[in-house]
Structure formats: C-alpha cells, structure tokens
Amino acid sequence: MNEERFKKTYTQGKLNVTEIWVDQETGVQYVFHMAGYAGGMTPLLDADGKPCIADLTKDV
C-alpha cells in the first residue's frame, strides 16, 4: 500500500495552526493544534462524546 495512513483534510492559521487529520484505515478524525513550540492531537468528538468518523467511500 503506497498511500499514507493519515491524510490532512483541513488547515487554518500560520502561527497558531489548527488542522484536521483522518486515519485512512478507521476513518477517525483528529484535530491537531500547534502554537509556537507546543502542539497536541486528539480525536475530534461529536456532541455525544463519540469520535467523528469520515466517510472513506468519498474522497477525503
């Protein structure tokens, strides 16, 4: 498989960066935020606290 497992689907900002990444195997979406030298990633959750899942049948 030549495709990378994680794919960036959204980005905003230059100094304070927020991105959304999708796990291409599970569809789970993650939000990544970086400010200066610090950063972190966590699953993106819906209103019920469950992970947001991308539809992998569409071009993500």
N, C-alpha and C. Protein backbone atom coordinates (compact mmCIF):
# COMPACT_ATOMS: atom_id res chain seq x y z
N MET A 1 0.84 -1.17 0.00
CA MET A 1 0.00 0.00 0.00
C MET A 1 0.89 1.24 0.00
N ASN A 2 0.78 2.07 -1.02
CA ASN A 2 1.61 3.27 -1.15
C ASN A 2 1.02 4.47 -0.43
N GLU A 3 -0.25 4.42 -0.14
CA GLU A 3 -0.94 5.55 0.46
C GLU A 3 -0.57 5.71 1.94
N GLU A 4 -0.42 6.95 2.36
CA GLU A 4 -0.14 7.24 3.76
C GLU A 4 -1.37 6.95 4.61
N ARG A 5 -1.17 6.55 5.85
CA ARG A 5 -2.29 6.21 6.72
C ARG A 5 -3.09 7.45 7.11
N PHE A 6 -2.42 8.56 7.42
CA PHE A 6 -3.12 9.77 7.84
C PHE A 6 -3.09 10.80 6.72
N LYS A 7 -4.23 11.48 6.54
CA LYS A 7 -4.35 12.48 5.50
C LYS A 7 -4.90 13.76 6.11
N LYS A 8 -4.24 14.89 5.83
CA LYS A 8 -4.70 16.19 6.32
C LYS A 8 -5.84 16.66 5.43
N THR A 9 -6.98 16.99 6.05
CA THR A 9 -8.16 17.40 5.28
C THR A 9 -8.53 18.86 5.49
N TYR A 10 -7.93 19.52 6.50
CA TYR A 10 -8.26 20.91 6.79
C TYR A 10 -7.10 21.56 7.51
N THR A 11 -6.85 22.83 7.21
CA THR A 11 -5.82 23.58 7.93
C THR A 11 -6.21 25.06 7.98
N GLN A 12 -5.89 25.70 9.10
CA GLN A 12 -6.09 27.14 9.22
C GLN A 12 -4.99 27.71 10.10
N GLY A 13 -4.62 28.95 9.82
CA GLY A 13 -3.63 29.65 10.64
C GLY A 13 -2.21 29.49 10.15
N LYS A 14 -1.38 30.42 10.61
CA LYS A 14 0.05 30.41 10.28
C LYS A 14 0.90 30.24 11.54
N LEU A 15 0.65 31.07 12.55
CA LEU A 15 1.41 30.96 13.80
C LEU A 15 0.72 30.02 14.78
N ASN A 16 -0.57 30.14 14.88
CA ASN A 16 -1.38 29.19 15.65
C ASN A 16 -2.12 28.34 14.64
N VAL A 17 -1.66 27.12 14.47
CA VAL A 17 -2.16 26.25 13.40
C VAL A 17 -3.16 25.24 13.97
N THR A 18 -4.29 25.09 13.28
CA THR A 18 -5.26 24.05 13.60
C THR A 18 -5.48 23.23 12.34
N GLU A 19 -5.39 21.91 12.48
CA GLU A 19 -5.56 21.00 11.33
C GLU A 19 -6.48 19.86 11.72
N ILE A 20 -7.13 19.29 10.72
CA ILE A 20 -7.91 18.06 10.92
C ILE A 20 -7.26 16.98 10.05
N TRP A 21 -6.99 15.84 10.68
CA TRP A 21 -6.37 14.69 10.02
C TRP A 21 -7.33 13.52 10.09
N VAL A 22 -7.34 12.68 9.06
CA VAL A 22 -8.20 11.50 9.01
C VAL A 22 -7.34 10.25 8.91
N ASP A 23 -7.61 9.27 9.78
CA ASP A 23 -6.98 7.97 9.70
C ASP A 23 -7.63 7.22 8.54
N GLN A 24 -6.87 6.93 7.50
CA GLN A 24 -7.41 6.32 6.28
C GLN A 24 -7.85 4.87 6.47
N GLU A 25 -7.48 4.24 7.57
CA GLU A 25 -7.91 2.86 7.82
C GLU A 25 -9.20 2.81 8.64
N THR A 26 -9.34 3.70 9.61
CA THR A 26 -10.51 3.65 10.51
C THR A 26 -11.52 4.76 10.24
N GLY A 27 -11.11 5.83 9.58
CA GLY A 27 -11.99 6.97 9.33
C GLY A 27 -12.06 7.95 10.49
N VAL A 28 -11.42 7.64 11.61
CA VAL A 28 -11.45 8.53 12.78
C VAL A 28 -10.75 9.84 12.43
N GLN A 29 -11.40 10.95 12.79
CA GLN A 29 -10.85 12.28 12.55
C GLN A 29 -10.16 12.79 13.81
N TYR A 30 -9.03 13.47 13.62
CA TYR A 30 -8.25 14.02 14.73
C TYR A 30 -8.06 15.51 14.49
N VAL A 31 -8.07 16.28 15.58
CA VAL A 31 -7.75 17.70 15.49
C VAL A 31 -6.36 17.89 16.09
N PHE A 32 -5.53 18.63 15.36
CA PHE A 32 -4.16 18.95 15.78
C PHE A 32 -4.06 20.45 15.92
N HIS A 33 -3.50 20.93 17.04
CA HIS A 33 -3.30 22.36 17.22
C HIS A 33 -1.87 22.59 17.65
N MET A 34 -1.24 23.60 17.03
CA MET A 34 0.14 23.94 17.35
C MET A 34 0.24 25.45 17.56
N ALA A 35 0.87 25.84 18.65
CA ALA A 35 1.13 27.25 18.94
C ALA A 35 2.58 27.37 19.39
N GLY A 36 3.39 28.03 18.60
CA GLY A 36 4.81 28.14 18.92
C GLY A 36 5.48 26.78 18.87
N TYR A 37 6.13 26.39 19.97
CA TYR A 37 6.83 25.11 20.03
C TYR A 37 5.97 24.00 20.65
N ALA A 38 4.73 24.31 21.01
CA ALA A 38 3.86 23.32 21.64
C ALA A 38 2.78 22.89 20.67
N GLY A 39 2.37 21.63 20.78
CA GLY A 39 1.31 21.12 19.92
C GLY A 39 0.69 19.88 20.52
N GLY A 40 -0.48 19.53 20.03
CA GLY A 40 -1.12 18.32 20.50
C GLY A 40 -2.19 17.85 19.54
N MET A 41 -2.51 16.58 19.63
CA MET A 41 -3.50 15.96 18.77
C MET A 41 -4.47 15.16 19.62
N THR A 42 -5.75 15.21 19.26
CA THR A 42 -6.78 14.47 20.00
C THR A 42 -7.89 14.09 19.03
N PRO A 43 -8.62 13.02 19.30
CA PRO A 43 -9.75 12.68 18.43
C PRO A 43 -10.79 13.80 18.43
N LEU A 44 -11.38 14.04 17.28
CA LEU A 44 -12.46 15.01 17.15
C LEU A 44 -13.74 14.31 17.58
N LEU A 45 -14.47 14.88 18.54
CA LEU A 45 -15.65 14.23 19.11
C LEU A 45 -16.93 14.93 18.71
N ASP A 46 -18.01 14.15 18.60
CA ASP A 46 -19.32 14.74 18.31
C ASP A 46 -19.99 15.18 19.62
N ALA A 47 -21.22 15.63 19.55
CA ALA A 47 -21.92 16.15 20.73
C ALA A 47 -22.13 15.08 21.80
N ASP A 48 -22.14 13.81 21.42
CA ASP A 48 -22.32 12.71 22.38
C ASP A 48 -21.00 12.19 22.94
N GLY A 49 -19.89 12.79 22.52
CA GLY A 49 -18.58 12.36 23.01
C GLY A 49 -17.99 11.19 22.24
N LYS A 50 -18.60 10.83 21.11
CA LYS A 50 -18.09 9.73 20.28
C LYS A 50 -17.19 10.30 19.19
N PRO A 51 -16.18 9.55 18.75
CA PRO A 51 -15.28 10.04 17.70
C PRO A 51 -16.04 10.31 16.39
N CYS A 52 -15.68 11.40 15.73
CA CYS A 52 -16.24 11.70 14.41
C CYS A 52 -15.56 10.79 13.39
N ILE A 53 -16.35 10.15 12.57
CA ILE A 53 -15.85 9.20 11.58
C ILE A 53 -16.11 9.76 10.18
N ALA A 54 -15.05 9.84 9.37
CA ALA A 54 -15.18 10.30 7.99
C ALA A 54 -15.71 9.18 7.13
N ASP A 55 -16.44 9.54 6.09
CA ASP A 55 -16.94 8.57 5.12
C ASP A 55 -15.79 8.27 4.14
N LEU A 56 -15.15 7.13 4.30
CA LEU A 56 -13.98 6.79 3.48
C LEU A 56 -14.34 6.40 2.06
N THR A 57 -15.65 6.24 1.77
CA THR A 57 -16.04 5.94 0.39
C THR A 57 -16.00 7.18 -0.47
N LYS A 58 -15.98 8.37 0.15
CA LYS A 58 -15.85 9.63 -0.57
C LYS A 58 -14.39 10.04 -0.54
N ASP A 59 -14.01 10.94 -1.43
CA ASP A 59 -12.63 11.44 -1.44
C ASP A 59 -12.41 12.34 -0.25
N VAL A 60 -11.68 11.85 0.75
CA VAL A 60 -11.44 12.60 1.99
C VAL A 60 -10.19 13.41 1.84
